[in-house]
């Protein structure tokens, strides 16, 4: 695979978010320099994926609904940045396998474990699927919090608004955190998801205090 297009897009997005929205990024030192990891972000707006791509020092793989690939221009763009097609709501085994393959290869995969955009603008709760993916790939999780994208492009709006955008990366969460080896898989995955949600709230408090 060639990734020159991804890096060109990332540079342009960084300029846009920095100049137009005063993008502020904290905690980049938590991002591993090498090896696969899951980037687990809250989800407020369609701006979140390009924002994470611009803010993260590592190249990210994203998942997107297969119907988005039907649009000629958008589909070509997503293929150019190596987005993984996903059949939402159908337990897409092929997409999960591809994500696991990339993680085991040493790539970073970004996901939104709340299950969709939060139309209230508030933090939601991470779901257990993120724990399953982390455990299958034996990859750590890096929680990340985004703020300001809801104000910049709220759900249902097609016009960008001026807003301060912040991104905060948190400490790594190992793919297995349970001291009890016999804990059921579902409970292990829910436990990982709960830790992500707790990390988001800690990051939100840090951004508020800082």
C-alpha atoms as a PDB file:
ATOM      1  CA  UNK A   1       0.000   0.000   0.000  1.00  0.00           C
ATOM      2  CA  UNK A   2       1.085   3.584  -0.670  1.00  0.00           C
ATOM      3  CA  UNK A   3       0.124   6.240   1.835  1.00  0.00           C
ATOM      4  CA  UNK A   4       1.361   9.501   0.305  1.00  0.00           C
ATOM      5  CA  UNK A   5      -2.230  10.649  -0.291  1.00  0.00           C
ATOM      6  CA  UNK A   6      -3.079  10.108   3.392  1.00  0.00           C
ATOM      7  CA  UNK A   7      -0.177  12.266   4.553  1.00  0.00           C
ATOM      8  CA  UNK A   8      -1.006  15.058   2.114  1.00  0.00           C
ATOM      9  CA  UNK A   9      -4.625  15.070   3.320  1.00  0.00           C
ATOM     10  CA  UNK A  10      -3.519  14.978   6.964  1.00  0.00           C
ATOM     11  CA  UNK A  11      -1.281  18.022   6.500  1.00  0.00           C
ATOM     12  CA  UNK A  12      -4.062  19.989   4.804  1.00  0.00           C
ATOM     13  CA  UNK A  13      -6.559  19.021   7.516  1.00  0.00           C
ATOM     14  CA  UNK A  14      -4.109  20.035  10.223  1.00  0.00           C
ATOM     15  CA  UNK A  15      -3.807  23.488   8.620  1.00  0.00           C
ATOM     16  CA  UNK A  16      -7.583  23.863   8.366  1.00  0.00           C
ATOM     17  CA  UNK A  17      -8.320  22.806  11.947  1.00  0.00           C
ATOM     18  CA  UNK A  18      -5.451  24.849  13.342  1.00  0.00           C
ATOM     19  CA  UNK A  19      -6.213  28.062  11.458  1.00  0.00           C
ATOM     20  CA  UNK A  20     -10.020  27.923  11.336  1.00  0.00           C
ATOM     21  CA  UNK A  21     -10.772  26.354  14.733  1.00  0.00           C
ATOM     22  CA  UNK A  22      -7.640  26.980  16.826  1.00  0.00           C
ATOM     23  CA  UNK A  23      -7.174  23.220  17.253  1.00  0.00           C
ATOM     24  CA  UNK A  24      -5.469  22.377  20.544  1.00  0.00           C
ATOM     25  CA  UNK A  25      -4.025  18.881  21.072  1.00  0.00           C
ATOM     26  CA  UNK A  26      -2.919  17.436  24.398  1.00  0.00           C
ATOM     27  CA  UNK A  27      -1.379  14.127  25.448  1.00  0.00           C
ATOM     28  CA  UNK A  28       0.278  13.145  22.176  1.00  0.00           C
ATOM     29  CA  UNK A  29       3.013  11.455  24.237  1.00  0.00           C
ATOM     30  CA  UNK A  30       0.468   8.717  25.064  1.00  0.00           C
ATOM     31  CA  UNK A  31       0.431   7.606  21.406  1.00  0.00           C
ATOM     32  CA  UNK A  32       2.733   4.587  20.874  1.00  0.00           C
ATOM     33  CA  UNK A  33       5.503   5.223  18.369  1.00  0.00           C
ATOM     34  CA  UNK A  34       5.146   1.728  16.945  1.00  0.00           C
ATOM     35  CA  UNK A  35       2.846  -1.270  17.163  1.00  0.00           C
ATOM     36  CA  UNK A  36      -0.887  -1.618  16.677  1.00  0.00           C
ATOM     37  CA  UNK A  37      -3.399   0.105  18.910  1.00  0.00           C
ATOM     38  CA  UNK A  38      -7.079   1.043  18.978  1.00  0.00           C
ATOM     39  CA  UNK A  39      -7.875   4.736  19.191  1.00  0.00           C
ATOM     40  CA  UNK A  40     -11.220   4.949  21.017  1.00  0.00           C
ATOM     41  CA  UNK A  41     -12.930   8.332  20.610  1.00  0.00           C
ATOM     42  CA  UNK A  42     -16.211   9.891  21.619  1.00  0.00           C
ATOM     43  CA  UNK A  43     -18.310  10.933  18.615  1.00  0.00           C
ATOM     44  CA  UNK A  44     -20.083  14.277  18.262  1.00  0.00           C
ATOM     45  CA  UNK A  45     -19.905  15.298  14.616  1.00  0.00           C
ATOM     46  CA  UNK A  46     -18.923  14.330  11.088  1.00  0.00           C
ATOM     47  CA  UNK A  47     -15.808  16.418  11.764  1.00  0.00           C
ATOM     48  CA  UNK A  48     -14.467  13.872  14.247  1.00  0.00           C
ATOM     49  CA  UNK A  49     -12.759  11.427  11.813  1.00  0.00           C
ATOM     50  CA  UNK A  50     -10.814  14.108   9.883  1.00  0.00           C
ATOM     51  CA  UNK A  51      -9.988  15.831  13.177  1.00  0.00           C
ATOM     52  CA  UNK A  52      -8.500  12.658  14.652  1.00  0.00           C
ATOM     53  CA  UNK A  53      -6.555  12.040  11.451  1.00  0.00           C
ATOM     54  CA  UNK A  54      -5.082  15.533  11.704  1.00  0.00           C
ATOM     55  CA  UNK A  55      -4.352  15.365  15.451  1.00  0.00           C
ATOM     56  CA  UNK A  56      -2.825  11.885  15.703  1.00  0.00           C
ATOM     57  CA  UNK A  57       0.884  11.453  15.030  1.00  0.00           C
ATOM     58  CA  UNK A  58       0.280   7.944  13.656  1.00  0.00           C
ATOM     59  CA  UNK A  59      -1.541   7.019  10.467  1.00  0.00           C
ATOM     60  CA  UNK A  60      -5.068   5.868  11.309  1.00  0.00           C
ATOM     61  CA  UNK A  61      -7.419   3.376   9.703  1.00  0.00           C
ATOM     62  CA  UNK A  62     -11.104   4.237  10.009  1.00  0.00           C
ATOM     63  CA  UNK A  63     -14.291   2.269   9.407  1.00  0.00           C
ATOM     64  CA  UNK A  64     -17.165   3.738   7.391  1.00  0.00           C
ATOM     65  CA  UNK A  65     -20.557   2.517   6.214  1.00  0.00           C
ATOM     66  CA  UNK A  66     -20.418   0.786   2.847  1.00  0.00           C
ATOM     67  CA  UNK A  67     -23.121   3.026   1.351  1.00  0.00           C
ATOM     68  CA  UNK A  68     -20.754   6.015   1.648  1.00  0.00           C
ATOM     69  CA  UNK A  69     -18.507   4.340  -0.906  1.00  0.00           C
ATOM     70  CA  UNK A  70     -21.325   4.579  -3.479  1.00  0.00           C
ATOM     71  CA  UNK A  71     -20.673   8.293  -3.977  1.00  0.00           C
ATOM     72  CA  UNK A  72     -17.999   8.581  -6.682  1.00  0.00           C
ATOM     73  CA  UNK A  73     -15.915  11.374  -5.128  1.00  0.00           C
ATOM     74  CA  UNK A  74     -16.356  10.381  -1.486  1.00  0.00           C
ATOM     75  CA  UNK A  75     -15.773   6.724  -2.306  1.00  0.00           C
ATOM     76  CA  UNK A  76     -12.556   7.512  -4.173  1.00  0.00           C
ATOM     77  CA  UNK A  77     -11.359   9.662  -1.273  1.00  0.00           C
ATOM     78  CA  UNK A  78     -12.060   6.970   1.325  1.00  0.00           C
ATOM     79  CA  UNK A  79     -10.298   4.337  -0.746  1.00  0.00           C
ATOM     80  CA  UNK A  80      -7.373   6.722  -1.076  1.00  0.00           C
ATOM     81  CA  UNK A  81      -7.002   6.942   2.708  1.00  0.00           C
ATOM     82  CA  UNK A  82      -7.639   3.183   3.131  1.00  0.00           C
ATOM     83  CA  UNK A  83     -10.946   3.301   5.012  1.00  0.00           C
ATOM     84  CA  UNK A  84     -12.399  -0.105   5.972  1.00  0.00           C
ATOM     85  CA  UNK A  85     -15.950  -0.640   4.574  1.00  0.00           C
ATOM     86  CA  UNK A  86     -18.440  -1.600   7.281  1.00  0.00           C
ATOM     87  CA  UNK A  87     -21.966  -3.017   7.151  1.00  0.00           C
ATOM     88  CA  UNK A  88     -23.426  -1.370  10.232  1.00  0.00           C
ATOM     89  CA  UNK A  89     -25.818  -3.307  12.399  1.00  0.00           C
ATOM     90  CA  UNK A  90     -25.054  -6.616  10.725  1.00  0.00           C
ATOM     91  CA  UNK A  91     -22.010  -7.830  12.690  1.00  0.00           C
ATOM     92  CA  UNK A  92     -19.707  -7.340   9.700  1.00  0.00           C
ATOM     93  CA  UNK A  93     -17.199 -10.174  10.172  1.00  0.00           C
ATOM     94  CA  UNK A  94     -15.140  -9.130   7.135  1.00  0.00           C
ATOM     95  CA  UNK A  95     -14.648  -5.596   8.517  1.00  0.00           C
ATOM     96  CA  UNK A  96     -13.686  -6.939  11.945  1.00  0.00           C
ATOM     97  CA  UNK A  97     -11.193  -9.348  10.384  1.00  0.00           C
ATOM     98  CA  UNK A  98      -9.646  -6.550   8.347  1.00  0.00           C
ATOM     99  CA  UNK A  99      -9.378  -4.312  11.417  1.00  0.00           C
ATOM    100  CA  UNK A 100      -7.769  -7.140  13.411  1.00  0.00           C
ATOM    101  CA  UNK A 101      -5.378  -7.852  10.516  1.00  0.00           C
ATOM    102  CA  UNK A 102      -4.258  -4.230  10.422  1.00  0.00           C
ATOM    103  CA  UNK A 103      -3.845  -4.067  14.205  1.00  0.00           C
ATOM    104  CA  UNK A 104      -1.745  -7.232  14.249  1.00  0.00           C
ATOM    105  CA  UNK A 105       0.326  -5.793  11.399  1.00  0.00           C
ATOM    106  CA  UNK A 106       1.160  -2.850  13.639  1.00  0.00           C
ATOM    107  CA  UNK A 107      -1.320  -0.266  12.326  1.00  0.00           C
ATOM    108  CA  UNK A 108      -3.567   2.017  14.370  1.00  0.00           C
ATOM    109  CA  UNK A 109      -7.344   1.709  13.991  1.00  0.00           C
ATOM    110  CA  UNK A 110      -9.720   4.469  15.135  1.00  0.00           C
ATOM    111  CA  UNK A 111     -13.225   3.589  16.316  1.00  0.00           C
ATOM    112  CA  UNK A 112     -16.180   5.336  17.961  1.00  0.00           C
ATOM    113  CA  UNK A 113     -17.361   2.870  20.634  1.00  0.00           C
ATOM    114  CA  UNK A 114     -20.468   4.859  21.614  1.00  0.00           C
ATOM    115  CA  UNK A 115     -22.021   3.364  18.473  1.00  0.00           C
ATOM    116  CA  UNK A 116     -22.761   6.640  16.683  1.00  0.00           C
ATOM    117  CA  UNK A 117     -22.841  10.409  17.035  1.00  0.00           C
ATOM    118  CA  UNK A 118     -24.207  11.747  20.315  1.00  0.00           C
ATOM    119  CA  UNK A 119     -26.984  14.106  19.242  1.00  0.00           C
ATOM    120  CA  UNK A 120     -27.155  15.608  22.747  1.00  0.00           C
ATOM    121  CA  UNK A 121     -23.578  16.847  22.512  1.00  0.00           C
ATOM    122  CA  UNK A 122     -22.770  15.047  25.767  1.00  0.00           C
ATOM    123  CA  UNK A 123     -20.500  12.099  26.439  1.00  0.00           C
ATOM    124  CA  UNK A 124     -22.077   8.720  25.857  1.00  0.00           C
ATOM    125  CA  UNK A 125     -21.013   5.280  27.063  1.00  0.00           C
ATOM    126  CA  UNK A 126     -18.533   3.011  25.296  1.00  0.00           C
ATOM    127  CA  UNK A 127     -19.933  -0.357  24.263  1.00  0.00           C
ATOM    128  CA  UNK A 128     -18.331  -3.755  24.754  1.00  0.00           C
ATOM    129  CA  UNK A 129     -17.517  -4.307  21.070  1.00  0.00           C
ATOM    130  CA  UNK A 130     -14.350  -2.257  21.470  1.00  0.00           C
ATOM    131  CA  UNK A 131     -13.173  -4.741  24.091  1.00  0.00           C
ATOM    132  CA  UNK A 132     -13.823  -7.660  21.755  1.00  0.00           C
ATOM    133  CA  UNK A 133     -11.802  -6.024  18.978  1.00  0.00           C
ATOM    134  CA  UNK A 134      -8.921  -5.181  21.324  1.00  0.00           C
ATOM    135  CA  UNK A 135      -8.839  -8.713  22.699  1.00  0.00           C
ATOM    136  CA  UNK A 136      -8.984 -10.359  19.259  1.00  0.00           C
ATOM    137  CA  UNK A 137      -6.046  -8.266  18.056  1.00  0.00           C
ATOM    138  CA  UNK A 138      -4.265  -8.245  21.439  1.00  0.00           C
ATOM    139  CA  UNK A 139      -3.880  -4.506  20.984  1.00  0.00           C
ATOM    140  CA  UNK A 140      -3.924  -1.764  23.623  1.00  0.00           C
ATOM    141  CA  UNK A 141      -6.520   1.005  23.605  1.00  0.00           C
ATOM    142  CA  UNK A 142      -5.713   4.723  23.594  1.00  0.00           C
ATOM    143  CA  UNK A 143      -8.755   6.739  24.742  1.00  0.00           C
ATOM    144  CA  UNK A 144      -9.152  10.147  23.106  1.00  0.00           C
ATOM    145  CA  UNK A 145     -11.641  12.925  23.784  1.00  0.00           C
ATOM    146  CA  UNK A 146     -12.748  15.520  21.238  1.00  0.00           C
ATOM    147  CA  UNK A 147     -14.480  18.773  22.169  1.00  0.00           C
ATOM    148  CA  UNK A 148     -15.902  21.568  20.048  1.00  0.00           C
ATOM    149  CA  UNK A 149     -16.865  19.610  16.939  1.00  0.00           C
ATOM    150  CA  UNK A 150     -20.504  19.511  18.053  1.00  0.00           C
ATOM    151  CA  UNK A 151     -20.541  23.317  18.111  1.00  0.00           C
ATOM    152  CA  UNK A 152     -18.592  23.574  14.836  1.00  0.00           C
ATOM    153  CA  UNK A 153     -20.842  21.159  12.908  1.00  0.00           C
ATOM    154  CA  UNK A 154     -23.823  19.884  14.906  1.00  0.00           C
ATOM    155  CA  UNK A 155     -25.829  16.882  13.668  1.00  0.00           C
ATOM    156  CA  UNK A 156     -28.228  17.963  10.934  1.00  0.00           C
ATOM    157  CA  UNK A 157     -26.281  21.104  10.054  1.00  0.00           C
ATOM    158  CA  UNK A 158     -24.478  21.643   6.738  1.00  0.00           C
ATOM    159  CA  UNK A 159     -22.767  24.881   7.706  1.00  0.00           C
ATOM    160  CA  UNK A 160     -19.565  25.168   9.698  1.00  0.00           C
ATOM    161  CA  UNK A 161     -19.542  27.509  12.688  1.00  0.00           C
ATOM    162  CA  UNK A 162     -16.668  29.100  14.568  1.00  0.00           C
ATOM    163  CA  UNK A 163     -15.758  27.034  17.615  1.00  0.00           C
ATOM    164  CA  UNK A 164     -12.684  26.147  19.631  1.00  0.00           C
ATOM    165  CA  UNK A 165     -11.745  22.520  19.000  1.00  0.00           C
ATOM    166  CA  UNK A 166      -9.724  20.449  21.471  1.00  0.00           C
ATOM    167  CA  UNK A 167      -8.344  16.911  21.352  1.00  0.00           C
ATOM    168  CA  UNK A 168      -6.927  15.072  24.380  1.00  0.00           C
ATOM    169  CA  UNK A 169      -5.222  11.656  24.249  1.00  0.00           C
ATOM    170  CA  UNK A 170      -5.248   9.595  27.432  1.00  0.00           C
ATOM    171  CA  UNK A 171      -3.067   6.857  28.967  1.00  0.00           C
ATOM    172  CA  UNK A 172      -3.005   3.437  27.373  1.00  0.00           C
ATOM    173  CA  UNK A 173      -5.494   0.775  28.488  1.00  0.00           C
ATOM    174  CA  UNK A 174      -4.192  -2.818  28.088  1.00  0.00           C
ATOM    175  CA  UNK A 175      -6.368  -5.145  26.013  1.00  0.00           C
ATOM    176  CA  UNK A 176      -6.945  -7.284  29.071  1.00  0.00           C
ATOM    177  CA  UNK A 177      -7.472  -5.612  32.429  1.00  0.00           C
ATOM    178  CA  UNK A 178      -9.164  -8.329  34.438  1.00  0.00           C
ATOM    179  CA  UNK A 179      -7.211  -9.928  37.325  1.00  0.00           C
ATOM    180  CA  UNK A 180      -9.708 -12.804  37.170  1.00  0.00           C
ATOM    181  CA  UNK A 181      -8.748 -15.164  34.300  1.00  0.00           C
ATOM    182  CA  UNK A 182     -12.098 -16.996  34.413  1.00  0.00           C
ATOM    183  CA  UNK A 183     -14.166 -13.831  33.919  1.00  0.00           C
ATOM    184  CA  UNK A 184     -16.623 -14.333  31.049  1.00  0.00           C
ATOM    185  CA  UNK A 185     -15.675 -12.745  27.721  1.00  0.00           C
ATOM    186  CA  UNK A 186     -18.682 -10.423  27.721  1.00  0.00           C
ATOM    187  CA  UNK A 187     -17.767  -9.160  31.176  1.00  0.00           C
ATOM    188  CA  UNK A 188     -14.142  -8.595  30.151  1.00  0.00           C
ATOM    189  CA  UNK A 189     -15.228  -6.592  27.116  1.00  0.00           C
ATOM    190  CA  UNK A 190     -17.708  -4.539  29.157  1.00  0.00           C
ATOM    191  CA  UNK A 191     -14.977  -3.877  31.701  1.00  0.00           C
ATOM    192  CA  UNK A 192     -12.691  -2.466  28.996  1.00  0.00           C
ATOM    193  CA  UNK A 193     -15.527  -0.322  27.665  1.00  0.00           C
ATOM    194  CA  UNK A 194     -16.202   1.035  31.150  1.00  0.00           C
ATOM    195  CA  UNK A 195     -12.552   2.015  31.503  1.00  0.00           C
ATOM    196  CA  UNK A 196     -12.728   3.934  28.230  1.00  0.00           C
ATOM    197  CA  UNK A 197     -15.806   5.834  29.423  1.00  0.00           C
ATOM    198  CA  UNK A 198     -14.051   6.666  32.700  1.00  0.00           C
ATOM    199  CA  UNK A 199     -10.991   7.877  30.775  1.00  0.00           C
ATOM    200  CA  UNK A 200     -13.160  10.183  28.644  1.00  0.00           C
ATOM    201  CA  UNK A 201     -14.600  11.797  31.768  1.00  0.00           C
ATOM    202  CA  UNK A 202     -11.134  12.272  33.284  1.00  0.00           C
ATOM    203  CA  UNK A 203      -9.920  13.880  30.052  1.00  0.00           C
ATOM    204  CA  UNK A 204     -12.985  16.142  29.991  1.00  0.00           C
ATOM    205  CA  UNK A 205     -12.215  17.258  33.559  1.00  0.00           C
ATOM    206  CA  UNK A 206      -8.597  17.965  32.604  1.00  0.00           C
ATOM    207  CA  UNK A 207      -9.659  20.104  29.652  1.00  0.00           C
ATOM    208  CA  UNK A 208     -12.090  22.004  31.873  1.00  0.00           C
ATOM    209  CA  UNK A 209      -9.452  22.608  34.556  1.00  0.00           C
ATOM    210  CA  UNK A 210      -6.782  23.515  32.041  1.00  0.00           C
END
